[in-house]
Amino acid sequence: MVSPREMELLSRQLNQAHRAAVQAELTAAGLGEVGHPMLLAILHSSCQEDEHSRCHGQRELAELLHITPAAVANSLKSLEKGGYIRRRPEQGDARRNQVLLTHKGRQAVDACQRAFECVSRRMLSGFTPQEQELLLSFRRRMLENLRAPVPQYPEKEES
């Protein structure tokens, strides 16, 4: 049986190695300053230059990315400073800004997608299609397990 400690260590190492590989690909593509490439991808899919599109708010983005709203705010500020996004007041709600990708931002999204694909190909090198499907199903199940409510165990009685 696999020890929980070994599984935890391997999960952390895999996550860190993946993040480092993605960052290396982004740096090689001249996008080392893009701190949160998934944020760009979400903005691209949801916030188009269209009066009918509705962008996610900071809180919604934070939930989608599983990070804090403050981290989203910092990332957006950095992306705006780098020229990847621009903000404009949302019609009907002056307290809320609509976040739009600039031309530079749309180009960065494409490069980020290529970086993700390159890292995924590298990570899955040597796996058969069947092994990849099996791995995917295992990882989905692990994610479901972790997102399930934490079980409540009865308190131990003191003797």
Protein backbone atom coordinates (compact mmCIF):
# COMPACT_ATOMS: atom_id res chain seq x y z
CA MET A 1 0.00 0.00 0.00
CA VAL A 2 1.20 3.51 -0.84
CA SER A 3 1.89 5.65 2.19
CA PRO A 4 -0.15 8.86 2.47
CA ARG A 5 3.09 10.75 3.10
CA GLU A 6 4.64 9.47 -0.15
CA MET A 7 1.47 10.36 -2.09
CA GLU A 8 1.42 13.88 -0.61
CA LEU A 9 5.10 14.43 -1.43
CA LEU A 10 4.67 13.18 -4.99
CA SER A 11 1.59 15.40 -5.50
CA ARG A 12 3.53 18.46 -4.35
CA GLN A 13 6.54 17.61 -6.49
CA LEU A 14 4.37 17.05 -9.56
CA ASN A 15 2.55 20.35 -9.03
CA GLN A 16 5.80 22.27 -8.56
CA ALA A 17 7.46 20.62 -11.55
CA HIS A 18 4.42 21.39 -13.74
CA ARG A 19 4.35 25.03 -12.68
CA ALA A 20 8.10 25.36 -13.28
CA ALA A 21 7.79 23.76 -16.73
CA VAL A 22 4.92 26.07 -17.71
CA GLN A 23 6.86 29.10 -16.44
CA ALA A 24 9.93 28.03 -18.42
CA GLU A 25 7.81 27.71 -21.59
CA LEU A 26 6.24 31.13 -20.98
CA THR A 27 9.65 32.69 -20.37
CA ALA A 28 10.99 31.14 -23.58
CA ALA A 29 8.00 32.65 -25.42
CA GLY A 30 8.76 36.10 -23.94
CA LEU A 31 5.84 35.93 -21.50
CA GLY A 32 7.69 35.48 -18.23
CA GLU A 33 5.80 38.43 -16.75
CA VAL A 34 2.41 36.73 -17.12
CA GLY A 35 1.93 35.64 -13.54
CA HIS A 36 -1.28 33.70 -13.92
CA PRO A 37 -1.78 32.32 -17.43
CA MET A 38 -5.03 30.55 -16.49
CA LEU A 39 -6.52 33.92 -15.57
CA LEU A 40 -5.82 35.13 -19.10
CA ALA A 41 -7.43 31.99 -20.53
CA ILE A 42 -10.58 32.49 -18.46
CA LEU A 43 -10.77 36.15 -19.43
CA HIS A 44 -10.40 35.16 -23.07
CA SER A 45 -13.23 32.64 -22.91
CA SER A 46 -15.64 34.86 -20.99
CA CYS A 47 -14.88 38.52 -21.69
CA GLN A 48 -15.10 39.46 -25.31
CA GLU A 49 -15.23 42.97 -26.76
CA ASP A 50 -19.00 42.74 -26.99
CA GLU A 51 -21.61 44.78 -25.15
CA HIS A 52 -23.62 41.65 -24.32
CA SER A 53 -20.79 39.64 -22.79
CA ARG A 54 -20.63 39.49 -19.04
CA CYS A 55 -17.22 39.17 -17.45
CA HIS A 56 -16.59 37.37 -14.21
CA GLY A 57 -16.08 39.52 -11.15
CA GLN A 58 -12.99 39.19 -8.99
CA ARG A 59 -14.76 36.88 -6.55
CA GLU A 60 -15.98 34.62 -9.38
CA LEU A 61 -12.50 34.52 -10.92
CA ALA A 62 -11.02 33.65 -7.53
CA GLU A 63 -13.46 30.76 -7.13
CA LEU A 64 -12.74 29.45 -10.63
CA LEU A 65 -8.99 29.57 -10.04
CA HIS A 66 -9.12 28.47 -6.39
CA ILE A 67 -7.14 31.52 -5.27
CA THR A 68 -8.03 34.53 -3.11
CA PRO A 69 -9.78 37.63 -4.50
CA ALA A 70 -6.70 39.62 -3.39
CA ALA A 71 -4.47 37.38 -5.54
CA VAL A 72 -6.82 37.97 -8.50
CA ALA A 73 -6.65 41.74 -7.88
CA ASN A 74 -2.84 41.63 -7.86
CA SER A 75 -2.74 39.53 -11.03
CA LEU A 76 -5.16 41.86 -12.81
CA LYS A 77 -3.12 44.89 -11.76
CA SER A 78 0.04 43.25 -13.12
CA LEU A 79 -1.69 42.22 -16.37
CA GLU A 80 -3.03 45.75 -16.82
CA LYS A 81 0.41 47.25 -16.19
CA GLY A 82 1.87 44.85 -18.78
CA GLY A 83 -0.73 45.90 -21.36
CA TYR A 84 -2.52 42.53 -21.49
CA ILE A 85 -5.88 43.79 -20.22
CA ARG A 86 -7.80 47.02 -19.86
CA ARG A 87 -10.69 47.86 -17.61
CA ARG A 88 -13.79 49.85 -18.33
CA PRO A 89 -16.76 50.58 -16.09
CA GLU A 90 -19.55 48.10 -16.60
CA GLN A 91 -22.78 49.54 -17.94
CA GLY A 92 -25.37 49.79 -15.20
CA ASP A 93 -22.94 49.15 -12.32
CA ALA A 94 -20.30 51.82 -11.75
CA ARG A 95 -18.80 49.82 -8.87
CA ARG A 96 -17.80 46.99 -11.18
CA ASN A 97 -15.20 47.09 -13.95
CA GLN A 98 -15.35 44.98 -17.04
CA VAL A 99 -11.97 43.41 -17.79
CA LEU A 100 -11.13 43.15 -21.47
CA LEU A 101 -8.16 41.59 -23.18
CA THR A 102 -6.08 43.86 -25.36
CA HIS A 103 -4.59 42.70 -28.66
CA LYS A 104 -1.40 41.87 -26.73
CA GLY A 105 -3.51 39.91 -24.24
CA ARG A 106 -5.19 37.83 -26.96
CA GLN A 107 -1.78 37.02 -28.43
CA ALA A 108 -0.55 36.04 -24.97
CA VAL A 109 -3.51 33.68 -24.52
CA ASP A 110 -2.51 31.83 -27.69
CA ALA A 111 1.09 31.56 -26.49
CA CYS A 112 -0.06 30.38 -23.04
CA GLN A 113 -2.20 27.67 -24.65
CA ARG A 114 0.79 26.52 -26.69
CA ALA A 115 2.90 26.43 -23.51
CA PHE A 116 0.27 24.33 -21.69
CA GLU A 117 0.05 21.93 -24.63
CA CYS A 118 3.83 21.60 -24.86
CA VAL A 119 4.16 20.86 -21.14
CA SER A 120 1.29 18.36 -21.26
CA ARG A 121 2.84 16.52 -24.20
CA ARG A 122 6.14 16.39 -22.35
CA MET A 123 4.52 15.25 -19.12
CA LEU A 124 2.57 12.46 -20.82
CA SER A 125 5.42 11.32 -23.05
CA GLY A 126 5.65 7.54 -23.10
CA PHE A 127 2.09 6.99 -21.87
CA THR A 128 -0.24 5.08 -24.16
CA PRO A 129 -3.61 6.67 -24.97
CA GLN A 130 -5.24 4.09 -22.67
CA GLU A 131 -2.87 4.99 -19.82
CA GLN A 132 -3.60 8.68 -20.36
CA GLU A 133 -7.36 8.03 -20.14
CA LEU A 134 -6.87 5.97 -16.99
CA LEU A 135 -4.66 8.64 -15.44
CA LEU A 136 -7.25 11.29 -16.29
CA SER A 137 -10.04 9.28 -14.67
CA PHE A 138 -7.92 8.75 -11.53
CA ARG A 139 -7.08 12.43 -11.25
CA ARG A 140 -10.72 13.45 -11.75
CA ARG A 141 -11.76 11.05 -9.01
CA MET A 142 -9.05 12.40 -6.69
CA LEU A 143 -10.29 15.93 -7.34
CA GLU A 144 -13.89 14.91 -6.62
CA ASN A 145 -12.75 13.26 -3.38
CA LEU A 146 -10.94 16.40 -2.27
CA ARG A 147 -13.85 18.69 -3.15
CA ALA A 148 -16.38 16.56 -1.25
CA PRO A 149 -17.43 17.79 2.17
CA VAL A 150 -14.98 16.88 4.89
CA PRO A 151 -16.34 13.87 6.78
CA GLN A 152 -17.15 14.52 10.43
CA TYR A 153 -15.60 11.92 12.67
CA PRO A 154 -16.95 11.36 16.16
CA GLU A 155 -14.77 12.91 18.82
CA LYS A 156 -12.67 10.50 20.81
CA GLU A 157 -13.71 10.19 24.38
CA GLU A 158 -11.03 10.94 26.91
CA SER A 159 -10.31 8.09 29.26
